């Protein structure tokens, strides 16, 4: 049995119920909105975040209507943030296909707003003040993370601290919200909620570091061309480590040009090669694995079950 099958098998019926509710949340009589939403649906991927909500809910209890509405709310908020990010970054591509921004331009902002509003509708349908507050706070964190990333352009230091501040708000906060909302939806203790949230945060950090590592290698399967983050002015963990370790003035000058958006493709290629030559990839992998072991440590404290096996497989897959 492959990893995805191991992950999905314990929650097959719950995942089908989620998909049905999610699809109904996106139905609209507005033909323009419908065409944008149809484009977004094409990149729905493996639904890793809703799967995490369902697995954690099953870890502590039974998936309830509140669980399903929470999963829909968080997936809608995630998609709203992606649409808005593409507008901010002026991105023409998202995971190997044209972005909403590239095809629909100004309509993308309104679509992101619609998805955000629909997310809040489903948060309210959980009938849980904790989940409503959680979704609202997550919206703040996602926007704050994007603003922090943009403001970092003018910062001439190469700070890992800022990097982790950004990914905690932009990525880890979303995974943490998935696990925390799942725990709230089945009515567990505050101690169990805290453990669930920490598990989600560790998974989110692993996810983002691995995604950043992908950017240093060309792969059509991933749908993310080499150097795409640098083209968008982003310096991620591998290059930050290499810059701080090697103290190379030429590499630092290119890195600052990356931040300013003036680096050429040839310069970006040189910076990627510099990163690999100075141990940046290996350092990022070690850092990611350290967080992975922390997450495994949390799972080890729980009674063994098919759900725990699925969560361990989920973490391996991430």
C-alpha atoms as a PDB file:
ATOM      1  CA  UNK A   1       0.000   0.000   0.000  1.00  0.00           C
ATOM      2  CA  UNK A   2       1.415   3.413  -0.953  1.00  0.00           C
ATOM      3  CA  UNK A   3       1.716   6.354   1.464  1.00  0.00           C
ATOM      4  CA  UNK A   4      -1.403   8.189   0.275  1.00  0.00           C
ATOM      5  CA  UNK A   5      -3.507   5.027   0.636  1.00  0.00           C
ATOM      6  CA  UNK A   6      -2.211   4.443   4.190  1.00  0.00           C
ATOM      7  CA  UNK A   7      -3.053   8.057   5.041  1.00  0.00           C
ATOM      8  CA  UNK A   8      -6.533   8.073   3.505  1.00  0.00           C
ATOM      9  CA  UNK A   9      -7.835   4.584   4.272  1.00  0.00           C
ATOM     10  CA  UNK A  10      -8.933   5.260   7.910  1.00  0.00           C
ATOM     11  CA  UNK A  11     -10.914   8.350   6.845  1.00  0.00           C
ATOM     12  CA  UNK A  12     -12.264   7.435   3.392  1.00  0.00           C
ATOM     13  CA  UNK A  13     -15.936   8.034   4.194  1.00  0.00           C
ATOM     14  CA  UNK A  14     -15.170  11.253   6.120  1.00  0.00           C
ATOM     15  CA  UNK A  15     -13.071  12.535   3.217  1.00  0.00           C
ATOM     16  CA  UNK A  16     -15.939  11.938   0.790  1.00  0.00           C
ATOM     17  CA  UNK A  17     -18.260  13.880   3.097  1.00  0.00           C
ATOM     18  CA  UNK A  18     -15.727  16.721   3.195  1.00  0.00           C
ATOM     19  CA  UNK A  19     -15.441  16.828  -0.612  1.00  0.00           C
ATOM     20  CA  UNK A  20     -19.215  16.974  -0.983  1.00  0.00           C
ATOM     21  CA  UNK A  21     -19.503  19.864   1.484  1.00  0.00           C
ATOM     22  CA  UNK A  22     -16.494  21.662  -0.010  1.00  0.00           C
ATOM     23  CA  UNK A  23     -17.870  21.418  -3.563  1.00  0.00           C
ATOM     24  CA  UNK A  24     -21.277  22.693  -2.459  1.00  0.00           C
ATOM     25  CA  UNK A  25     -19.586  25.664  -0.720  1.00  0.00           C
ATOM     26  CA  UNK A  26     -18.086  26.741  -4.052  1.00  0.00           C
ATOM     27  CA  UNK A  27     -21.250  26.482  -6.160  1.00  0.00           C
ATOM     28  CA  UNK A  28     -22.510  29.829  -7.461  1.00  0.00           C
ATOM     29  CA  UNK A  29     -25.057  31.219  -9.924  1.00  0.00           C
ATOM     30  CA  UNK A  30     -22.530  33.900 -10.935  1.00  0.00           C
ATOM     31  CA  UNK A  31     -20.994  32.656 -14.203  1.00  0.00           C
ATOM     32  CA  UNK A  32     -17.794  34.719 -13.863  1.00  0.00           C
ATOM     33  CA  UNK A  33     -17.197  33.541 -10.307  1.00  0.00           C
ATOM     34  CA  UNK A  34     -18.052  29.999 -11.375  1.00  0.00           C
ATOM     35  CA  UNK A  35     -15.356  30.041 -14.064  1.00  0.00           C
ATOM     36  CA  UNK A  36     -12.712  31.287 -11.617  1.00  0.00           C
ATOM     37  CA  UNK A  37     -13.715  28.680  -9.034  1.00  0.00           C
ATOM     38  CA  UNK A  38     -13.584  25.944 -11.699  1.00  0.00           C
ATOM     39  CA  UNK A  39      -9.982  26.966 -12.387  1.00  0.00           C
ATOM     40  CA  UNK A  40      -9.134  26.832  -8.665  1.00  0.00           C
ATOM     41  CA  UNK A  41     -10.695  23.362  -8.388  1.00  0.00           C
ATOM     42  CA  UNK A  42      -8.282  22.059 -11.048  1.00  0.00           C
ATOM     43  CA  UNK A  43      -5.386  22.519  -8.618  1.00  0.00           C
ATOM     44  CA  UNK A  44      -7.101  21.082  -5.549  1.00  0.00           C
ATOM     45  CA  UNK A  45      -4.260  18.566  -5.233  1.00  0.00           C
ATOM     46  CA  UNK A  46      -4.251  15.864  -2.571  1.00  0.00           C
ATOM     47  CA  UNK A  47      -6.238  17.864   0.036  1.00  0.00           C
ATOM     48  CA  UNK A  48      -3.477  17.406   2.618  1.00  0.00           C
ATOM     49  CA  UNK A  49      -4.804  20.038   5.039  1.00  0.00           C
ATOM     50  CA  UNK A  50      -8.399  18.752   5.209  1.00  0.00           C
ATOM     51  CA  UNK A  51      -7.005  15.229   5.564  1.00  0.00           C
ATOM     52  CA  UNK A  52      -5.013  16.431   8.575  1.00  0.00           C
ATOM     53  CA  UNK A  53      -8.173  17.898  10.146  1.00  0.00           C
ATOM     54  CA  UNK A  54     -10.020  14.603   9.689  1.00  0.00           C
ATOM     55  CA  UNK A  55      -7.157  12.451  10.980  1.00  0.00           C
ATOM     56  CA  UNK A  56      -6.688  14.498  14.147  1.00  0.00           C
ATOM     57  CA  UNK A  57     -10.443  14.554  14.808  1.00  0.00           C
ATOM     58  CA  UNK A  58     -10.497  10.745  14.467  1.00  0.00           C
ATOM     59  CA  UNK A  59      -7.455  10.533  16.737  1.00  0.00           C
ATOM     60  CA  UNK A  60      -9.525  11.967  19.587  1.00  0.00           C
ATOM     61  CA  UNK A  61     -13.086  11.060  18.636  1.00  0.00           C
ATOM     62  CA  UNK A  62     -15.584  10.950  15.781  1.00  0.00           C
ATOM     63  CA  UNK A  63     -15.721  13.365  12.863  1.00  0.00           C
ATOM     64  CA  UNK A  64     -18.705  15.645  13.423  1.00  0.00           C
ATOM     65  CA  UNK A  65     -20.459  18.266  11.271  1.00  0.00           C
ATOM     66  CA  UNK A  66     -18.340  20.831  13.145  1.00  0.00           C
ATOM     67  CA  UNK A  67     -15.198  18.993  11.996  1.00  0.00           C
ATOM     68  CA  UNK A  68     -16.323  19.052   8.361  1.00  0.00           C
ATOM     69  CA  UNK A  69     -17.279  22.741   8.444  1.00  0.00           C
ATOM     70  CA  UNK A  70     -13.944  23.552  10.102  1.00  0.00           C
ATOM     71  CA  UNK A  71     -12.065  21.635   7.381  1.00  0.00           C
ATOM     72  CA  UNK A  72     -13.996  23.465   4.649  1.00  0.00           C
ATOM     73  CA  UNK A  73     -13.464  26.826   6.332  1.00  0.00           C
ATOM     74  CA  UNK A  74      -9.699  26.332   6.593  1.00  0.00           C
ATOM     75  CA  UNK A  75      -9.327  25.019   3.032  1.00  0.00           C
ATOM     76  CA  UNK A  76     -11.285  28.017   1.691  1.00  0.00           C
ATOM     77  CA  UNK A  77      -9.143  30.409   3.726  1.00  0.00           C
ATOM     78  CA  UNK A  78      -6.013  28.682   2.420  1.00  0.00           C
ATOM     79  CA  UNK A  79      -7.187  29.075  -1.176  1.00  0.00           C
ATOM     80  CA  UNK A  80      -8.150  32.711  -0.579  1.00  0.00           C
ATOM     81  CA  UNK A  81      -4.625  33.402   0.684  1.00  0.00           C
ATOM     82  CA  UNK A  82      -3.087  31.699  -2.385  1.00  0.00           C
ATOM     83  CA  UNK A  83      -5.193  33.803  -4.747  1.00  0.00           C
ATOM     84  CA  UNK A  84      -4.252  37.011  -2.928  1.00  0.00           C
ATOM     85  CA  UNK A  85      -0.575  35.993  -2.729  1.00  0.00           C
ATOM     86  CA  UNK A  86      -0.489  35.504  -6.495  1.00  0.00           C
ATOM     87  CA  UNK A  87      -1.814  39.041  -6.939  1.00  0.00           C
ATOM     88  CA  UNK A  88       0.748  40.491  -4.505  1.00  0.00           C
ATOM     89  CA  UNK A  89       3.614  38.541  -6.109  1.00  0.00           C
ATOM     90  CA  UNK A  90       2.254  39.200  -9.627  1.00  0.00           C
ATOM     91  CA  UNK A  91       2.650  35.452 -10.174  1.00  0.00           C
ATOM     92  CA  UNK A  92       1.646  33.982 -13.510  1.00  0.00           C
ATOM     93  CA  UNK A  93       1.935  30.363 -12.403  1.00  0.00           C
ATOM     94  CA  UNK A  94       0.890  28.270  -9.412  1.00  0.00           C
ATOM     95  CA  UNK A  95       2.114  24.659  -9.153  1.00  0.00           C
ATOM     96  CA  UNK A  96       2.515  24.143 -12.911  1.00  0.00           C
ATOM     97  CA  UNK A  97      -0.636  25.886 -14.115  1.00  0.00           C
ATOM     98  CA  UNK A  98      -1.590  29.492 -14.819  1.00  0.00           C
ATOM     99  CA  UNK A  99      -2.512  31.389 -11.650  1.00  0.00           C
ATOM    100  CA  UNK A 100      -5.929  32.986 -11.155  1.00  0.00           C
ATOM    101  CA  UNK A 101      -4.135  36.329 -11.299  1.00  0.00           C
ATOM    102  CA  UNK A 102      -2.666  35.529 -14.746  1.00  0.00           C
ATOM    103  CA  UNK A 103      -6.019  34.582 -16.282  1.00  0.00           C
ATOM    104  CA  UNK A 104      -8.530  36.790 -14.487  1.00  0.00           C
ATOM    105  CA  UNK A 105      -6.382  39.681 -13.202  1.00  0.00           C
ATOM    106  CA  UNK A 106      -8.489  42.092 -11.102  1.00  0.00           C
ATOM    107  CA  UNK A 107     -11.211  39.497 -10.661  1.00  0.00           C
ATOM    108  CA  UNK A 108      -8.670  37.484  -8.631  1.00  0.00           C
ATOM    109  CA  UNK A 109      -8.852  39.935  -5.716  1.00  0.00           C
ATOM    110  CA  UNK A 110     -12.652  39.733  -5.576  1.00  0.00           C
ATOM    111  CA  UNK A 111     -12.529  35.940  -5.847  1.00  0.00           C
ATOM    112  CA  UNK A 112     -10.104  35.799  -2.932  1.00  0.00           C
ATOM    113  CA  UNK A 113     -12.502  38.002  -0.954  1.00  0.00           C
ATOM    114  CA  UNK A 114     -15.407  35.691  -1.817  1.00  0.00           C
ATOM    115  CA  UNK A 115     -13.477  32.623  -0.681  1.00  0.00           C
ATOM    116  CA  UNK A 116     -12.519  34.398   2.547  1.00  0.00           C
ATOM    117  CA  UNK A 117     -16.137  35.380   3.258  1.00  0.00           C
ATOM    118  CA  UNK A 118     -17.341  31.837   2.540  1.00  0.00           C
ATOM    119  CA  UNK A 119     -14.649  30.533   4.884  1.00  0.00           C
ATOM    120  CA  UNK A 120     -16.096  32.655   7.682  1.00  0.00           C
ATOM    121  CA  UNK A 121     -19.609  31.369   6.914  1.00  0.00           C
ATOM    122  CA  UNK A 122     -18.416  27.806   7.456  1.00  0.00           C
ATOM    123  CA  UNK A 123     -16.510  28.771  10.589  1.00  0.00           C
ATOM    124  CA  UNK A 124     -19.789  30.088  12.016  1.00  0.00           C
ATOM    125  CA  UNK A 125     -21.550  26.844  11.037  1.00  0.00           C
ATOM    126  CA  UNK A 126     -19.260  24.915  13.404  1.00  0.00           C
ATOM    127  CA  UNK A 127     -21.175  26.582  16.281  1.00  0.00           C
ATOM    128  CA  UNK A 128     -17.843  26.738  18.100  1.00  0.00           C
ATOM    129  CA  UNK A 129     -16.596  30.086  19.400  1.00  0.00           C
ATOM    130  CA  UNK A 130     -13.087  28.601  19.654  1.00  0.00           C
ATOM    131  CA  UNK A 131     -13.041  27.603  15.971  1.00  0.00           C
ATOM    132  CA  UNK A 132     -14.527  30.939  14.840  1.00  0.00           C
ATOM    133  CA  UNK A 133     -11.849  32.766  16.826  1.00  0.00           C
ATOM    134  CA  UNK A 134      -9.190  30.415  15.466  1.00  0.00           C
ATOM    135  CA  UNK A 135     -10.144  31.003  11.813  1.00  0.00           C
ATOM    136  CA  UNK A 136     -10.279  34.769  12.347  1.00  0.00           C
ATOM    137  CA  UNK A 137      -6.848  34.790  14.003  1.00  0.00           C
ATOM    138  CA  UNK A 138      -5.452  32.631  11.212  1.00  0.00           C
ATOM    139  CA  UNK A 139      -6.612  35.202   8.656  1.00  0.00           C
ATOM    140  CA  UNK A 140      -4.656  37.829  10.571  1.00  0.00           C
ATOM    141  CA  UNK A 141      -1.562  35.617  10.746  1.00  0.00           C
ATOM    142  CA  UNK A 142      -1.583  34.855   7.011  1.00  0.00           C
ATOM    143  CA  UNK A 143      -1.816  38.544   6.118  1.00  0.00           C
ATOM    144  CA  UNK A 144       0.765  39.465   8.754  1.00  0.00           C
ATOM    145  CA  UNK A 145       3.159  36.865   7.383  1.00  0.00           C
ATOM    146  CA  UNK A 146       2.825  38.198   3.848  1.00  0.00           C
ATOM    147  CA  UNK A 147       3.400  41.766   5.046  1.00  0.00           C
ATOM    148  CA  UNK A 148       6.419  40.646   7.084  1.00  0.00           C
ATOM    149  CA  UNK A 149       7.836  38.965   4.004  1.00  0.00           C
ATOM    150  CA  UNK A 150       7.327  42.103   1.926  1.00  0.00           C
ATOM    151  CA  UNK A 151       8.857  44.373   4.567  1.00  0.00           C
ATOM    152  CA  UNK A 152      11.904  42.101   4.766  1.00  0.00           C
ATOM    153  CA  UNK A 153      12.893  43.178   1.230  1.00  0.00           C
ATOM    154  CA  UNK A 154      14.412  46.391   2.612  1.00  0.00           C
ATOM    155  CA  UNK A 155      16.303  44.504   5.348  1.00  0.00           C
ATOM    156  CA  UNK A 156      19.923  43.956   4.291  1.00  0.00           C
ATOM    157  CA  UNK A 157      20.573  41.207   6.838  1.00  0.00           C
ATOM    158  CA  UNK A 158      20.101  37.508   6.072  1.00  0.00           C
ATOM    159  CA  UNK A 159      18.157  36.452   9.127  1.00  0.00           C
ATOM    160  CA  UNK A 160      16.973  32.916   9.849  1.00  0.00           C
ATOM    161  CA  UNK A 161      14.870  34.356  12.673  1.00  0.00           C
ATOM    162  CA  UNK A 162      12.844  36.445  10.218  1.00  0.00           C
ATOM    163  CA  UNK A 163      12.552  33.426   7.904  1.00  0.00           C
ATOM    164  CA  UNK A 164      11.033  31.326  10.696  1.00  0.00           C
ATOM    165  CA  UNK A 165       8.757  34.210  11.747  1.00  0.00           C
ATOM    166  CA  UNK A 166       7.394  34.319   8.192  1.00  0.00           C
ATOM    167  CA  UNK A 167       6.879  30.572   7.756  1.00  0.00           C
ATOM    168  CA  UNK A 168       5.285  30.243  11.191  1.00  0.00           C
ATOM    169  CA  UNK A 169       2.673  32.815  10.189  1.00  0.00           C
ATOM    170  CA  UNK A 170       2.259  31.884   6.528  1.00  0.00           C
ATOM    171  CA  UNK A 171       2.463  28.072   6.604  1.00  0.00           C
ATOM    172  CA  UNK A 172       2.861  26.561  10.069  1.00  0.00           C
ATOM    173  CA  UNK A 173      -0.059  28.620  11.417  1.00  0.00           C
ATOM    174  CA  UNK A 174      -2.368  27.025   8.849  1.00  0.00           C
ATOM    175  CA  UNK A 175      -1.345  23.447   9.693  1.00  0.00           C
ATOM    176  CA  UNK A 176      -1.549  24.288  13.408  1.00  0.00           C
ATOM    177  CA  UNK A 177      -5.041  25.691  12.890  1.00  0.00           C
ATOM    178  CA  UNK A 178      -6.053  22.452  11.138  1.00  0.00           C
ATOM    179  CA  UNK A 179      -5.005  20.283  14.058  1.00  0.00           C
ATOM    180  CA  UNK A 180      -6.301  22.694  16.701  1.00  0.00           C
ATOM    181  CA  UNK A 181      -9.701  23.090  15.005  1.00  0.00           C
ATOM    182  CA  UNK A 182      -9.955  19.307  14.712  1.00  0.00           C
ATOM    183  CA  UNK A 183      -9.314  18.920  18.437  1.00  0.00           C
ATOM    184  CA  UNK A 184     -11.887  21.599  19.320  1.00  0.00           C
ATOM    185  CA  UNK A 185     -14.480  20.008  16.999  1.00  0.00           C
ATOM    186  CA  UNK A 186     -14.504  16.786  19.039  1.00  0.00           C
ATOM    187  CA  UNK A 187     -14.424  18.476  22.454  1.00  0.00           C
ATOM    188  CA  UNK A 188     -11.104  17.370  23.931  1.00  0.00           C
ATOM    189  CA  UNK A 189      -9.241  18.874  26.895  1.00  0.00           C
ATOM    190  CA  UNK A 190      -7.143  22.046  26.627  1.00  0.00           C
ATOM    191  CA  UNK A 191      -3.990  19.989  27.153  1.00  0.00           C
ATOM    192  CA  UNK A 192      -4.886  17.810  24.154  1.00  0.00           C
ATOM    193  CA  UNK A 193      -5.707  20.909  22.097  1.00  0.00           C
ATOM    194  CA  UNK A 194      -2.242  22.311  22.833  1.00  0.00           C
ATOM    195  CA  UNK A 195      -0.583  19.029  21.837  1.00  0.00           C
ATOM    196  CA  UNK A 196      -2.616  18.910  18.613  1.00  0.00           C
ATOM    197  CA  UNK A 197      -1.696  22.499  17.731  1.00  0.00           C
ATOM    198  CA  UNK A 198       2.011  21.856  18.346  1.00  0.00           C
ATOM    199  CA  UNK A 199       1.864  18.775  16.128  1.00  0.00           C
ATOM    200  CA  UNK A 200       0.348  20.861  13.332  1.00  0.00           C
ATOM    201  CA  UNK A 201       2.981  23.573  13.749  1.00  0.00           C
ATOM    202  CA  UNK A 202       5.843  21.066  13.477  1.00  0.00           C
ATOM    203  CA  UNK A 203       4.247  19.491  10.386  1.00  0.00           C
ATOM    204  CA  UNK A 204       3.799  22.932   8.810  1.00  0.00           C
ATOM    205  CA  UNK A 205       7.431  23.892   9.377  1.00  0.00           C
ATOM    206  CA  UNK A 206       8.579  20.603   7.818  1.00  0.00           C
ATOM    207  CA  UNK A 207       6.241  21.168   4.877  1.00  0.00           C
ATOM    208  CA  UNK A 208       7.566  24.674   4.182  1.00  0.00           C
ATOM    209  CA  UNK A 209      11.249  23.793   4.509  1.00  0.00           C
ATOM    210  CA  UNK A 210      10.785  20.857   2.102  1.00  0.00           C
ATOM    211  CA  UNK A 211       8.908  23.130  -0.313  1.00  0.00           C
ATOM    212  CA  UNK A 212      11.772  25.625  -0.126  1.00  0.00           C
ATOM    213  CA  UNK A 213      14.325  22.870  -0.818  1.00  0.00           C
ATOM    214  CA  UNK A 214      12.382  21.928  -3.970  1.00  0.00           C
ATOM    215  CA  UNK A 215      13.102  25.409  -5.321  1.00  0.00           C
ATOM    216  CA  UNK A 216      16.798  24.536  -5.726  1.00  0.00           C
ATOM    217  CA  UNK A 217      16.045  21.671  -8.124  1.00  0.00           C
ATOM    218  CA  UNK A 218      14.179  21.552 -11.428  1.00  0.00           C
ATOM    219  CA  UNK A 219      11.171  19.245 -11.445  1.00  0.00           C
ATOM    220  CA  UNK A 220       8.110  19.382 -13.685  1.00  0.00           C
ATOM    221  CA  UNK A 221       6.372  16.884 -11.378  1.00  0.00           C
ATOM    222  CA  UNK A 222       6.483  19.371  -8.509  1.00  0.00           C
ATOM    223  CA  UNK A 223       5.389  22.156 -10.859  1.00  0.00           C
ATOM    224  CA  UNK A 224       7.812  24.651  -9.334  1.00  0.00           C
ATOM    225  CA  UNK A 225      10.679  25.842 -11.566  1.00  0.00           C
ATOM    226  CA  UNK A 226      14.175  26.233 -10.120  1.00  0.00           C
ATOM    227  CA  UNK A 227      14.745  29.628  -8.521  1.00  0.00           C
ATOM    228  CA  UNK A 228      11.085  30.611  -8.498  1.00  0.00           C
ATOM    229  CA  UNK A 229      11.254  31.872  -4.897  1.00  0.00           C
ATOM    230  CA  UNK A 230      14.263  34.035  -5.747  1.00  0.00           C
ATOM    231  CA  UNK A 231      12.459  35.402  -8.800  1.00  0.00           C
ATOM    232  CA  UNK A 232       9.781  36.557  -6.338  1.00  0.00           C
ATOM    233  CA  UNK A 233      12.400  38.170  -4.089  1.00  0.00           C
ATOM    234  CA  UNK A 234      12.408  35.444  -1.421  1.00  0.00           C
ATOM    235  CA  UNK A 235      15.535  34.128   0.300  1.00  0.00           C
ATOM    236  CA  UNK A 236      14.808  30.822   2.015  1.00  0.00           C
ATOM    237  CA  UNK A 237      16.611  28.695   4.614  1.00  0.00           C
ATOM    238  CA  UNK A 238      19.217  26.970   2.379  1.00  0.00           C
ATOM    239  CA  UNK A 239      20.608  30.210   0.928  1.00  0.00           C
ATOM    240  CA  UNK A 240      20.381  32.075   4.243  1.00  0.00           C
ATOM    241  CA  UNK A 241      22.570  29.423   5.859  1.00  0.00           C
ATOM    242  CA  UNK A 242      25.085  29.510   3.003  1.00  0.00           C
ATOM    243  CA  UNK A 243      25.279  33.320   3.049  1.00  0.00           C
ATOM    244  CA  UNK A 244      25.858  33.470   6.807  1.00  0.00           C
ATOM    245  CA  UNK A 245      28.350  30.602   6.742  1.00  0.00           C
ATOM    246  CA  UNK A 246      30.508  31.550   3.739  1.00  0.00           C
ATOM    247  CA  UNK A 247      30.645  35.343   4.162  1.00  0.00           C
ATOM    248  CA  UNK A 248      31.003  35.764   0.373  1.00  0.00           C
ATOM    249  CA  UNK A 249      30.610  39.404  -0.742  1.00  0.00           C
ATOM    250  CA  UNK A 250      29.697  38.549  -4.333  1.00  0.00           C
ATOM    251  CA  UNK A 251      26.995  36.110  -3.246  1.00  0.00           C
ATOM    252  CA  UNK A 252      25.693  38.678  -0.735  1.00  0.00           C
ATOM    253  CA  UNK A 253      25.430  41.302  -3.490  1.00  0.00           C
ATOM    254  CA  UNK A 254      23.380  38.930  -5.643  1.00  0.00           C
ATOM    255  CA  UNK A 255      21.178  38.075  -2.631  1.00  0.00           C
ATOM    256  CA  UNK A 256      20.419  41.757  -2.090  1.00  0.00           C
ATOM    257  CA  UNK A 257      19.534  42.075  -5.780  1.00  0.00           C
ATOM    258  CA  UNK A 258      17.175  39.120  -5.334  1.00  0.00           C
ATOM    259  CA  UNK A 259      15.447  40.998  -2.509  1.00  0.00           C
ATOM    260  CA  UNK A 260      15.170  44.104  -4.714  1.00  0.00           C
ATOM    261  CA  UNK A 261      13.815  42.088  -7.652  1.00  0.00           C
ATOM    262  CA  UNK A 262      16.703  43.092  -9.939  1.00  0.00           C
ATOM    263  CA  UNK A 263      18.706  39.822 -10.066  1.00  0.00           C
ATOM    264  CA  UNK A 264      19.090  38.232 -13.504  1.00  0.00           C
ATOM    265  CA  UNK A 265      18.403  34.553 -14.207  1.00  0.00           C
ATOM    266  CA  UNK A 266      22.164  33.982 -14.522  1.00  0.00           C
ATOM    267  CA  UNK A 267      22.752  35.584 -11.116  1.00  0.00           C
ATOM    268  CA  UNK A 268      20.018  33.478  -9.534  1.00  0.00           C
ATOM    269  CA  UNK A 269      21.598  30.355 -11.038  1.00  0.00           C
ATOM    270  CA  UNK A 270      24.948  31.377  -9.508  1.00  0.00           C
ATOM    271  CA  UNK A 271      23.335  31.921  -6.109  1.00  0.00           C
ATOM    272  CA  UNK A 272      21.659  28.499  -6.267  1.00  0.00           C
ATOM    273  CA  UNK A 273      25.008  26.871  -7.123  1.00  0.00           C
ATOM    274  CA  UNK A 274      26.652  28.820  -4.271  1.00  0.00           C
ATOM    275  CA  UNK A 275      23.978  27.544  -1.867  1.00  0.00           C
ATOM    276  CA  UNK A 276      24.567  23.928  -2.845  1.00  0.00           C
ATOM    277  CA  UNK A 277      28.363  24.294  -2.661  1.00  0.00           C
ATOM    278  CA  UNK A 278      28.175  25.721   0.867  1.00  0.00           C
ATOM    279  CA  UNK A 279      25.966  23.114   2.509  1.00  0.00           C
ATOM    280  CA  UNK A 280      22.671  25.001   2.365  1.00  0.00           C
ATOM    281  CA  UNK A 281      20.581  22.028   1.239  1.00  0.00           C
ATOM    282  CA  UNK A 282      22.069  19.658   3.821  1.00  0.00           C
ATOM    283  CA  UNK A 283      21.496  22.208   6.593  1.00  0.00           C
ATOM    284  CA  UNK A 284      17.845  22.696   5.577  1.00  0.00           C
ATOM    285  CA  UNK A 285      17.311  18.920   5.507  1.00  0.00           C
ATOM    286  CA  UNK A 286      18.842  18.566   8.994  1.00  0.00           C
ATOM    287  CA  UNK A 287      16.628  21.371  10.311  1.00  0.00           C
ATOM    288  CA  UNK A 288      13.525  19.837   8.738  1.00  0.00           C
ATOM    289  CA  UNK A 289      14.334  16.413  10.198  1.00  0.00           C
ATOM    290  CA  UNK A 290      14.778  17.930  13.659  1.00  0.00           C
ATOM    291  CA  UNK A 291      11.183  19.230  13.514  1.00  0.00           C
ATOM    292  CA  UNK A 292      10.029  15.907  12.082  1.00  0.00           C
ATOM    293  CA  UNK A 293      11.488  14.098  15.101  1.00  0.00           C
ATOM    294  CA  UNK A 294       9.725  16.539  17.433  1.00  0.00           C
ATOM    295  CA  UNK A 295       6.427  15.700  15.712  1.00  0.00           C
ATOM    296  CA  UNK A 296       7.146  11.962  15.951  1.00  0.00           C
ATOM    297  CA  UNK A 297       7.848  12.497  19.652  1.00  0.00           C
ATOM    298  CA  UNK A 298       4.372  13.949  20.145  1.00  0.00           C
ATOM    299  CA  UNK A 299       2.769  11.023  18.295  1.00  0.00           C
ATOM    300  CA  UNK A 300       4.794   8.553  20.399  1.00  0.00           C
ATOM    301  CA  UNK A 301       3.037   9.868  23.512  1.00  0.00           C
ATOM    302  CA  UNK A 302      -0.352   8.731  22.137  1.00  0.00           C
ATOM    303  CA  UNK A 303      -1.870   5.219  22.162  1.00  0.00           C
ATOM    304  CA  UNK A 304      -0.963   3.307  18.990  1.00  0.00           C
ATOM    305  CA  UNK A 305      -3.752   3.006  16.431  1.00  0.00           C
ATOM    306  CA  UNK A 306      -4.438   3.000  12.668  1.00  0.00           C
ATOM    307  CA  UNK A 307      -4.851   6.776  12.926  1.00  0.00           C
ATOM    308  CA  UNK A 308      -1.408   7.185  14.524  1.00  0.00           C
ATOM    309  CA  UNK A 309       0.069   5.048  11.746  1.00  0.00           C
ATOM    310  CA  UNK A 310      -1.677   7.265   9.187  1.00  0.00           C
ATOM    311  CA  UNK A 311      -0.351  10.419  10.884  1.00  0.00           C
ATOM    312  CA  UNK A 312       3.183   9.052  10.895  1.00  0.00           C
ATOM    313  CA  UNK A 313       2.805   8.239   7.196  1.00  0.00           C
ATOM    314  CA  UNK A 314       1.421  11.762   6.661  1.00  0.00           C
ATOM    315  CA  UNK A 315       4.520  13.228   8.282  1.00  0.00           C
ATOM    316  CA  UNK A 316       6.821  11.007   6.183  1.00  0.00           C
ATOM    317  CA  UNK A 317       4.938  12.065   3.061  1.00  0.00           C
ATOM    318  CA  UNK A 318       5.245  15.754   3.917  1.00  0.00           C
END
